Amino acid sequence: MTRLVPIREIAHLRLALPSDDRWVREVDWIPVSPTEIHLACRYYPMAVRFEGPKPSLGLIVDQRYIMHPLLNSAGAWWGAYRPIALRCFPFAAPHIGDDPLEDIVIDADSKYLSETIGIPIVDDAGRLVNELHRLFRLLQRGQESFAGALDQYLIGNLLVPLGNTDQPLYVLDSARFLHLEHAALGAMARHGFLSVDLAVACLFSLQNLRPDYRPKGDGRPRRSMPAPSIVPDMLAMDDLPLVLDDSELISLWDIDALRAEGQP
């Protein structure tokens, strides 16, 4: 059974990650930060997880669901971008406060802790601990800012379970989002564009999900945009019913009069 302890209790130990990155296979889903969503969505499917009082947005890093390999045959990292949460492994931070030694935790029996090999977890400058604390704070702020948008997706029935799997993960359904009424879309963007921006990133990220796990849609025809009545390249300025105002915004006569009044 995992027993999480704060770094303060294992400050005398060292971090001994293996020479390869096969440990990535132990991770299936990781939280994502707002600073990386537009980059991360190019390489990882984005999914929502419901644990605790609020939904969380993250990246699927389980190789069973991703189109491209993250590791090469030697077990070395082959992915184009290493997400923030993977850079924090094997540490966690359920709550971020002002004390890195208490906020950051790790399994007391982790195989990545050693008394003799690896790098010091706590050195005189506190470089590793302070950097971990900064990254965990980014992730926490991200989940706090995403919560409202994820609630909107839930209310709008835009989330569907990750197909054919027991994973408690949900992805955005592109067909349902496409059929949103204009009023609903307007309501999402009423106080900010985070909901729409995040939805676009989530939908774009689905290209990284293996086809067997992608939402299948509801069978309704896709909404089509009306064809333009006029071909833009054939427009002639003289044919448009326009009236151009060629007067000055400020009368030159008024400027001259003001200059005259300012003279002694």
C-alpha atoms as a PDB file:
ATOM      1  CA  MET A   1       0.000   0.000   0.000  1.00  0.00           C
ATOM      2  CA  THR A   2       1.330   3.444  -0.926  1.00  0.00           C
ATOM      3  CA  ARG A   3       2.367   5.577   2.035  1.00  0.00           C
ATOM      4  CA  LEU A   4       2.940   9.175   0.987  1.00  0.00           C
ATOM      5  CA  VAL A   5       5.327  11.196   3.134  1.00  0.00           C
ATOM      6  CA  PRO A   6       6.521  14.796   2.761  1.00  0.00           C
ATOM      7  CA  ILE A   7       9.996  15.429   1.429  1.00  0.00           C
ATOM      8  CA  ARG A   8      11.006  16.645   4.885  1.00  0.00           C
ATOM      9  CA  GLU A   9      10.895  13.057   6.129  1.00  0.00           C
ATOM     10  CA  ILE A  10      13.161  11.675   3.384  1.00  0.00           C
ATOM     11  CA  ALA A  11      15.404  14.745   2.944  1.00  0.00           C
ATOM     12  CA  HIS A  12      18.483  12.623   3.708  1.00  0.00           C
ATOM     13  CA  LEU A  13      17.819  10.320   0.718  1.00  0.00           C
ATOM     14  CA  ARG A  14      18.678  10.673  -2.945  1.00  0.00           C
ATOM     15  CA  LEU A  15      16.610  10.458  -6.136  1.00  0.00           C
ATOM     16  CA  ALA A  16      17.760   7.517  -8.260  1.00  0.00           C
ATOM     17  CA  LEU A  17      15.809   7.399 -11.513  1.00  0.00           C
ATOM     18  CA  PRO A  18      16.899   4.649 -13.934  1.00  0.00           C
ATOM     19  CA  SER A  19      19.070   5.378 -16.967  1.00  0.00           C
ATOM     20  CA  ASP A  20      16.129   4.759 -19.327  1.00  0.00           C
ATOM     21  CA  ASP A  21      12.570   6.123 -19.330  1.00  0.00           C
ATOM     22  CA  ARG A  22      10.624   2.880 -19.065  1.00  0.00           C
ATOM     23  CA  TRP A  23       9.158   4.183 -15.801  1.00  0.00           C
ATOM     24  CA  VAL A  24       6.824   6.282 -17.998  1.00  0.00           C
ATOM     25  CA  ARG A  25       4.860   3.078 -18.592  1.00  0.00           C
ATOM     26  CA  GLU A  26       3.739   3.219 -14.973  1.00  0.00           C
ATOM     27  CA  VAL A  27       1.779   6.424 -15.658  1.00  0.00           C
ATOM     28  CA  ASP A  28      -1.530   6.552 -17.558  1.00  0.00           C
ATOM     29  CA  TRP A  29      -2.913  10.085 -17.027  1.00  0.00           C
ATOM     30  CA  ILE A  30      -1.275  13.291 -15.794  1.00  0.00           C
ATOM     31  CA  PRO A  31      -2.637  16.791 -15.039  1.00  0.00           C
ATOM     32  CA  VAL A  32      -1.870  19.556 -17.509  1.00  0.00           C
ATOM     33  CA  SER A  33      -0.960  23.215 -16.970  1.00  0.00           C
ATOM     34  CA  PRO A  34      -2.464  26.219 -18.838  1.00  0.00           C
ATOM     35  CA  THR A  35       1.048  27.143 -19.936  1.00  0.00           C
ATOM     36  CA  GLU A  36       1.378  23.962 -21.979  1.00  0.00           C
ATOM     37  CA  ILE A  37      -2.075  23.076 -23.316  1.00  0.00           C
ATOM     38  CA  HIS A  38      -1.480  24.446 -26.829  1.00  0.00           C
ATOM     39  CA  LEU A  39       1.782  22.530 -27.155  1.00  0.00           C
ATOM     40  CA  ALA A  40       0.718  19.380 -25.321  1.00  0.00           C
ATOM     41  CA  CYS A  41      -2.479  18.969 -27.375  1.00  0.00           C
ATOM     42  CA  ARG A  42      -0.300  18.396 -30.448  1.00  0.00           C
ATOM     43  CA  TYR A  43       1.152  15.195 -28.986  1.00  0.00           C
ATOM     44  CA  TYR A  44      -1.234  13.829 -26.320  1.00  0.00           C
ATOM     45  CA  PRO A  45      -4.989  13.188 -26.110  1.00  0.00           C
ATOM     46  CA  MET A  46      -6.575  15.417 -23.486  1.00  0.00           C
ATOM     47  CA  ALA A  47      -9.082  13.832 -21.119  1.00  0.00           C
ATOM     48  CA  VAL A  48     -11.120  14.723 -18.041  1.00  0.00           C
ATOM     49  CA  ARG A  49     -10.972  12.742 -14.821  1.00  0.00           C
ATOM     50  CA  PHE A  50     -13.545  12.928 -12.020  1.00  0.00           C
ATOM     51  CA  GLU A  51     -11.860  12.463  -8.670  1.00  0.00           C
ATOM     52  CA  GLY A  52     -12.711  14.558  -5.661  1.00  0.00           C
ATOM     53  CA  PRO A  53     -15.038  17.564  -5.674  1.00  0.00           C
ATOM     54  CA  LYS A  54     -13.881  18.994  -9.014  1.00  0.00           C
ATOM     55  CA  PRO A  55     -13.153  17.517 -12.454  1.00  0.00           C
ATOM     56  CA  SER A  56      -9.522  17.603 -13.596  1.00  0.00           C
ATOM     57  CA  LEU A  57      -8.101  18.032 -17.078  1.00  0.00           C
ATOM     58  CA  GLY A  58      -5.019  16.130 -18.128  1.00  0.00           C
ATOM     59  CA  LEU A  59      -3.103  14.224 -20.766  1.00  0.00           C
ATOM     60  CA  ILE A  60      -3.317  10.530 -21.583  1.00  0.00           C
ATOM     61  CA  VAL A  61       0.213   9.090 -21.584  1.00  0.00           C
ATOM     62  CA  ASP A  62      -0.759   5.413 -21.619  1.00  0.00           C
ATOM     63  CA  GLN A  63       0.814   4.001 -24.766  1.00  0.00           C
ATOM     64  CA  ARG A  64      -2.217   1.787 -25.413  1.00  0.00           C
ATOM     65  CA  TYR A  65      -4.228   4.854 -26.388  1.00  0.00           C
ATOM     66  CA  ILE A  66      -1.661   7.085 -28.121  1.00  0.00           C
ATOM     67  CA  MET A  67      -1.000   6.999 -31.856  1.00  0.00           C
ATOM     68  CA  HIS A  68       2.754   7.617 -31.667  1.00  0.00           C
ATOM     69  CA  PRO A  69       5.369   5.947 -29.417  1.00  0.00           C
ATOM     70  CA  LEU A  70       6.777   7.853 -26.460  1.00  0.00           C
ATOM     71  CA  LEU A  71       9.806   5.570 -26.049  1.00  0.00           C
ATOM     72  CA  ASN A  72      12.155   3.992 -28.572  1.00  0.00           C
ATOM     73  CA  SER A  73      13.171   0.342 -28.572  1.00  0.00           C
ATOM     74  CA  ALA A  74      15.896   1.055 -25.997  1.00  0.00           C
ATOM     75  CA  GLY A  75      13.416   2.606 -23.602  1.00  0.00           C
ATOM     76  CA  ALA A  76      14.736   6.144 -24.104  1.00  0.00           C
ATOM     77  CA  TRP A  77      12.372   9.110 -24.364  1.00  0.00           C
ATOM     78  CA  TRP A  78      11.236   9.597 -27.948  1.00  0.00           C
ATOM     79  CA  GLY A  79       8.356  11.973 -27.456  1.00  0.00           C
ATOM     80  CA  ALA A  80       8.506  15.462 -28.897  1.00  0.00           C
ATOM     81  CA  TYR A  81       7.450  17.167 -25.663  1.00  0.00           C
ATOM     82  CA  ARG A  82       7.800  16.036 -22.072  1.00  0.00           C
ATOM     83  CA  PRO A  83       4.851  17.404 -20.063  1.00  0.00           C
ATOM     84  CA  ILE A  84       5.338  19.201 -16.772  1.00  0.00           C
ATOM     85  CA  ALA A  85       3.766  16.426 -14.688  1.00  0.00           C
ATOM     86  CA  LEU A  86       6.218  13.858 -16.082  1.00  0.00           C
ATOM     87  CA  ARG A  87       9.063  16.155 -15.119  1.00  0.00           C
ATOM     88  CA  CYS A  88       7.768  16.007 -11.545  1.00  0.00           C
ATOM     89  CA  PHE A  89       7.624  12.197 -11.341  1.00  0.00           C
ATOM     90  CA  PRO A  90       7.779  10.345  -8.923  1.00  0.00           C
ATOM     91  CA  PHE A  91       6.705  13.188  -6.618  1.00  0.00           C
ATOM     92  CA  ALA A  92       3.190  14.503  -6.021  1.00  0.00           C
ATOM     93  CA  ALA A  93       1.648  17.543  -4.392  1.00  0.00           C
ATOM     94  CA  PRO A  94      -2.009  17.165  -3.370  1.00  0.00           C
ATOM     95  CA  HIS A  95      -2.039  20.713  -1.987  1.00  0.00           C
ATOM     96  CA  ILE A  96       0.371  23.563  -2.606  1.00  0.00           C
ATOM     97  CA  GLY A  97       1.106  26.024   0.173  1.00  0.00           C
ATOM     98  CA  ASP A  98       4.231  27.920   1.167  1.00  0.00           C
ATOM     99  CA  ASP A  99       6.428  25.078   2.422  1.00  0.00           C
ATOM    100  CA  PRO A 100       7.932  22.896  -0.344  1.00  0.00           C
ATOM    101  CA  LEU A 101       9.255  20.356   2.152  1.00  0.00           C
ATOM    102  CA  GLU A 102       5.729  19.712   3.416  1.00  0.00           C
ATOM    103  CA  ASP A 103       3.730  20.266   0.202  1.00  0.00           C
ATOM    104  CA  ILE A 104       5.664  17.789  -1.967  1.00  0.00           C
ATOM    105  CA  VAL A 105       5.210  14.112  -1.119  1.00  0.00           C
ATOM    106  CA  ILE A 106       6.500  10.747  -2.338  1.00  0.00           C
ATOM    107  CA  ASP A 107       5.877   7.099  -1.591  1.00  0.00           C
ATOM    108  CA  ALA A 108       8.059   6.250   1.391  1.00  0.00           C
ATOM    109  CA  ASP A 109       8.820   2.870  -0.216  1.00  0.00           C
ATOM    110  CA  SER A 110       9.464   4.224  -3.709  1.00  0.00           C
ATOM    111  CA  LYS A 111      12.072   2.300  -5.653  1.00  0.00           C
ATOM    112  CA  TYR A 112      13.428   5.633  -6.847  1.00  0.00           C
ATOM    113  CA  LEU A 113      14.730   6.574  -3.406  1.00  0.00           C
ATOM    114  CA  SER A 114      18.245   5.580  -2.422  1.00  0.00           C
ATOM    115  CA  GLU A 115      20.700   6.254   0.385  1.00  0.00           C
ATOM    116  CA  THR A 116      23.788   6.032  -1.803  1.00  0.00           C
ATOM    117  CA  ILE A 117      23.109   6.674  -5.502  1.00  0.00           C
ATOM    118  CA  GLY A 118      21.398   9.409  -7.497  1.00  0.00           C
ATOM    119  CA  ILE A 119      21.107  13.141  -6.879  1.00  0.00           C
ATOM    120  CA  PRO A 120      20.384  14.775  -3.512  1.00  0.00           C
ATOM    121  CA  ILE A 121      16.699  15.537  -3.113  1.00  0.00           C
ATOM    122  CA  VAL A 122      17.506  18.440  -0.796  1.00  0.00           C
ATOM    123  CA  ASP A 123      20.768  20.282  -1.396  1.00  0.00           C
ATOM    124  CA  ASP A 124      22.095  23.514   0.082  1.00  0.00           C
ATOM    125  CA  ALA A 125      20.477  25.637  -2.655  1.00  0.00           C
ATOM    126  CA  GLY A 126      17.214  23.690  -2.665  1.00  0.00           C
ATOM    127  CA  ARG A 127      17.224  23.665  -6.465  1.00  0.00           C
ATOM    128  CA  LEU A 128      15.299  20.434  -7.062  1.00  0.00           C
ATOM    129  CA  VAL A 129      12.704  21.092  -4.365  1.00  0.00           C
ATOM    130  CA  ASN A 130      12.106  24.709  -5.388  1.00  0.00           C
ATOM    131  CA  GLU A 131      11.732  23.799  -9.062  1.00  0.00           C
ATOM    132  CA  LEU A 132       9.307  20.988  -8.231  1.00  0.00           C
ATOM    133  CA  HIS A 133       7.297  23.376  -6.072  1.00  0.00           C
ATOM    134  CA  ARG A 134       7.097  25.899  -8.919  1.00  0.00           C
ATOM    135  CA  LEU A 135       5.905  23.261 -11.405  1.00  0.00           C
ATOM    136  CA  PHE A 136       3.338  21.825  -9.006  1.00  0.00           C
ATOM    137  CA  ARG A 137       2.002  25.326  -8.387  1.00  0.00           C
ATOM    138  CA  LEU A 138       1.519  25.750 -12.158  1.00  0.00           C
ATOM    139  CA  LEU A 139      -0.411  22.488 -12.299  1.00  0.00           C
ATOM    140  CA  GLN A 140      -2.578  23.407  -9.323  1.00  0.00           C
ATOM    141  CA  ARG A 141      -3.445  26.830 -10.724  1.00  0.00           C
ATOM    142  CA  GLY A 142      -4.323  25.171 -13.997  1.00  0.00           C
ATOM    143  CA  GLN A 143      -6.779  22.770 -12.427  1.00  0.00           C
ATOM    144  CA  GLU A 144      -8.379  25.619 -10.497  1.00  0.00           C
ATOM    145  CA  SER A 145      -8.821  27.696 -13.655  1.00  0.00           C
ATOM    146  CA  PHE A 146     -10.066  24.736 -15.731  1.00  0.00           C
ATOM    147  CA  ALA A 147     -12.763  23.653 -13.270  1.00  0.00           C
ATOM    148  CA  GLY A 148     -15.395  26.128 -14.474  1.00  0.00           C
ATOM    149  CA  ALA A 149     -14.889  25.228 -18.134  1.00  0.00           C
ATOM    150  CA  LEU A 150     -15.088  21.501 -17.393  1.00  0.00           C
ATOM    151  CA  ASP A 151     -18.331  22.075 -15.498  1.00  0.00           C
ATOM    152  CA  GLN A 152     -19.733  23.748 -18.621  1.00  0.00           C
ATOM    153  CA  TYR A 153     -18.803  20.713 -20.734  1.00  0.00           C
ATOM    154  CA  LEU A 154     -20.508  18.471 -18.209  1.00  0.00           C
ATOM    155  CA  ILE A 155     -23.656  20.611 -18.134  1.00  0.00           C
ATOM    156  CA  GLY A 156     -23.705  20.770 -21.935  1.00  0.00           C
ATOM    157  CA  ASN A 157     -23.400  16.955 -22.194  1.00  0.00           C
ATOM    158  CA  LEU A 158     -20.235  17.323 -24.281  1.00  0.00           C
ATOM    159  CA  LEU A 159     -18.172  14.686 -22.458  1.00  0.00           C
ATOM    160  CA  VAL A 160     -18.226  10.989 -23.322  1.00  0.00           C
ATOM    161  CA  PRO A 161     -16.407   8.064 -21.664  1.00  0.00           C
ATOM    162  CA  LEU A 162     -13.153   6.973 -23.233  1.00  0.00           C
ATOM    163  CA  GLY A 163     -14.466   4.135 -25.400  1.00  0.00           C
ATOM    164  CA  ASN A 164     -13.823   0.428 -24.898  1.00  0.00           C
ATOM    165  CA  THR A 165     -11.837   0.853 -21.711  1.00  0.00           C
ATOM    166  CA  ASP A 166     -12.278   0.677 -17.964  1.00  0.00           C
ATOM    167  CA  GLN A 167     -10.394   3.945 -17.476  1.00  0.00           C
ATOM    168  CA  PRO A 168     -12.557   6.556 -15.643  1.00  0.00           C
ATOM    169  CA  LEU A 169     -11.676   9.165 -18.247  1.00  0.00           C
ATOM    170  CA  TYR A 170     -13.845  11.334 -20.480  1.00  0.00           C
ATOM    171  CA  VAL A 171     -13.083  13.149 -23.727  1.00  0.00           C
ATOM    172  CA  LEU A 172     -14.849  15.945 -25.541  1.00  0.00           C
ATOM    173  CA  ASP A 173     -17.197  14.745 -28.296  1.00  0.00           C
ATOM    174  CA  SER A 174     -16.529  16.705 -31.484  1.00  0.00           C
ATOM    175  CA  ALA A 175     -19.970  15.910 -32.966  1.00  0.00           C
ATOM    176  CA  ARG A 176     -21.799  17.200 -29.901  1.00  0.00           C
ATOM    177  CA  PHE A 177     -19.651  20.321 -29.798  1.00  0.00           C
ATOM    178  CA  LEU A 178     -20.302  20.938 -33.492  1.00  0.00           C
ATOM    179  CA  HIS A 179     -24.057  20.850 -32.883  1.00  0.00           C
ATOM    180  CA  LEU A 180     -23.999  23.333 -30.024  1.00  0.00           C
ATOM    181  CA  GLU A 181     -26.582  26.046 -30.427  1.00  0.00           C
ATOM    182  CA  HIS A 182     -25.232  29.540 -30.956  1.00  0.00           C
ATOM    183  CA  ALA A 183     -26.789  30.640 -27.670  1.00  0.00           C
ATOM    184  CA  ALA A 184     -24.978  27.880 -25.779  1.00  0.00           C
ATOM    185  CA  LEU A 185     -21.671  28.739 -27.404  1.00  0.00           C
ATOM    186  CA  GLY A 186     -22.241  32.395 -26.633  1.00  0.00           C
ATOM    187  CA  ALA A 187     -22.967  31.577 -22.996  1.00  0.00           C
ATOM    188  CA  MET A 188     -19.682  29.664 -22.764  1.00  0.00           C
ATOM    189  CA  ALA A 189     -17.760  32.697 -23.989  1.00  0.00           C
ATOM    190  CA  ARG A 190     -19.799  35.295 -22.098  1.00  0.00           C
ATOM    191  CA  HIS A 191     -17.228  35.978 -19.380  1.00  0.00           C
ATOM    192  CA  GLY A 192     -14.096  34.731 -21.160  1.00  0.00           C
ATOM    193  CA  PHE A 193     -12.838  32.525 -23.941  1.00  0.00           C
ATOM    194  CA  LEU A 194     -11.159  29.872 -21.800  1.00  0.00           C
ATOM    195  CA  SER A 195     -14.008  27.374 -22.320  1.00  0.00           C
ATOM    196  CA  VAL A 196     -13.877  27.730 -26.097  1.00  0.00           C
ATOM    197  CA  ASP A 197     -10.078  27.843 -26.222  1.00  0.00           C
ATOM    198  CA  LEU A 198      -9.842  24.733 -24.089  1.00  0.00           C
ATOM    199  CA  ALA A 199     -12.486  22.937 -26.147  1.00  0.00           C
ATOM    200  CA  VAL A 200     -10.559  23.593 -29.359  1.00  0.00           C
ATOM    201  CA  ALA A 201      -7.386  22.213 -27.780  1.00  0.00           C
ATOM    202  CA  CYS A 202      -9.239  19.122 -26.500  1.00  0.00           C
ATOM    203  CA  LEU A 203     -10.799  18.420 -29.891  1.00  0.00           C
ATOM    204  CA  PHE A 204      -7.496  18.953 -31.704  1.00  0.00           C
ATOM    205  CA  SER A 205      -5.801  16.546 -29.306  1.00  0.00           C
ATOM    206  CA  LEU A 206      -8.111  13.692 -30.330  1.00  0.00           C
ATOM    207  CA  GLN A 207      -5.995  13.151 -33.435  1.00  0.00           C
ATOM    208  CA  ASN A 208      -3.424  11.605 -31.063  1.00  0.00           C
ATOM    209  CA  LEU A 209      -5.956   9.083 -29.742  1.00  0.00           C
ATOM    210  CA  ARG A 210      -6.095   5.700 -31.418  1.00  0.00           C
ATOM    211  CA  PRO A 211      -9.190   5.485 -33.666  1.00  0.00           C
ATOM    212  CA  ASP A 212     -10.747   2.646 -31.637  1.00  0.00           C
ATOM    213  CA  TYR A 213     -11.055   4.951 -28.634  1.00  0.00           C
ATOM    214  CA  ARG A 214     -12.288   8.112 -30.334  1.00  0.00           C
ATOM    215  CA  PRO A 215     -15.922   9.218 -29.885  1.00  0.00           C
ATOM    216  CA  LYS A 216     -18.073   7.696 -32.621  1.00  0.00           C
ATOM    217  CA  GLY A 217     -20.568  10.557 -32.868  1.00  0.00           C
ATOM    218  CA  ASP A 218     -24.333  10.289 -32.714  1.00  0.00           C
ATOM    219  CA  GLY A 219     -25.028   9.756 -36.401  1.00  0.00           C
ATOM    220  CA  ARG A 220     -26.483  13.188 -37.010  1.00  0.00           C
ATOM    221  CA  PRO A 221     -25.395  14.991 -40.169  1.00  0.00           C
ATOM    222  CA  ARG A 222     -22.683  17.567 -39.693  1.00  0.00           C
ATOM    223  CA  ARG A 223     -23.726  21.186 -39.783  1.00  0.00           C
ATOM    224  CA  SER A 224     -22.651  22.789 -43.022  1.00  0.00           C
ATOM    225  CA  MET A 225     -21.904  26.445 -43.604  1.00  0.00           C
ATOM    226  CA  PRO A 226     -23.916  28.212 -46.312  1.00  0.00           C
ATOM    227  CA  ALA A 227     -22.037  28.776 -49.531  1.00  0.00           C
ATOM    228  CA  PRO A 228     -21.066  32.406 -50.171  1.00  0.00           C
ATOM    229  CA  SER A 229     -23.304  34.136 -52.692  1.00  0.00           C
ATOM    230  CA  ILE A 230     -20.445  36.166 -54.117  1.00  0.00           C
ATOM    231  CA  VAL A 231     -16.966  34.931 -54.912  1.00  0.00           C
ATOM    232  CA  PRO A 232     -14.588  37.305 -53.101  1.00  0.00           C
ATOM    233  CA  ASP A 233     -12.052  37.410 -55.946  1.00  0.00           C
ATOM    234  CA  MET A 234     -14.714  38.718 -58.327  1.00  0.00           C
ATOM    235  CA  LEU A 235     -15.753  41.672 -56.186  1.00  0.00           C
ATOM    236  CA  ALA A 236     -15.270  45.104 -57.739  1.00  0.00           C
ATOM    237  CA  MET A 237     -15.136  48.151 -55.532  1.00  0.00           C
ATOM    238  CA  ASP A 238     -17.295  50.162 -57.926  1.00  0.00           C
ATOM    239  CA  ASP A 239     -20.059  47.544 -57.691  1.00  0.00           C
ATOM    240  CA  LEU A 240     -20.436  47.867 -53.909  1.00  0.00           C
ATOM    241  CA  PRO A 241     -23.082  50.288 -52.548  1.00  0.00           C
ATOM    242  CA  LEU A 242     -20.590  52.297 -50.534  1.00  0.00           C
ATOM    243  CA  VAL A 243     -20.336  55.999 -49.781  1.00  0.00           C
ATOM    244  CA  LEU A 244     -16.895  57.189 -48.717  1.00  0.00           C
ATOM    245  CA  ASP A 245     -16.488  60.250 -46.496  1.00  0.00           C
ATOM    246  CA  ASP A 246     -13.486  62.133 -47.823  1.00  0.00           C
ATOM    247  CA  SER A 247     -13.627  64.925 -45.222  1.00  0.00           C
ATOM    248  CA  GLU A 248     -11.039  65.473 -42.501  1.00  0.00           C
ATOM    249  CA  LEU A 249     -11.614  63.993 -39.079  1.00  0.00           C
ATOM    250  CA  ILE A 250     -10.584  67.350 -37.617  1.00  0.00           C
ATOM    251  CA  SER A 251     -11.054  70.513 -39.624  1.00  0.00           C
ATOM    252  CA  LEU A 252      -7.791  72.058 -40.717  1.00  0.00           C
ATOM    253  CA  TRP A 253      -9.465  75.481 -40.379  1.00  0.00           C
ATOM    254  CA  ASP A 254     -10.093  74.792 -36.658  1.00  0.00           C
ATOM    255  CA  ILE A 255      -6.443  73.867 -36.192  1.00  0.00           C
ATOM    256  CA  ASP A 256      -5.333  77.106 -37.845  1.00  0.00           C
ATOM    257  CA  ALA A 257      -7.770  79.062 -35.679  1.00  0.00           C
ATOM    258  CA  LEU A 258      -6.423  77.471 -32.497  1.00  0.00           C
ATOM    259  CA  ARG A 259      -2.894  78.245 -33.551  1.00  0.00           C
ATOM    260  CA  ALA A 260      -3.881  81.864 -34.137  1.00  0.00           C
ATOM    261  CA  GLU A 261      -5.466  82.094 -30.669  1.00  0.00           C
ATOM    262  CA  GLY A 262      -2.302  80.757 -29.073  1.00  0.00           C
ATOM    263  CA  GLN A 263      -0.117  83.439 -30.564  1.00  0.00           C
ATOM    264  CA  PRO A 264       0.796  86.360 -28.294  1.00  0.00           C
END
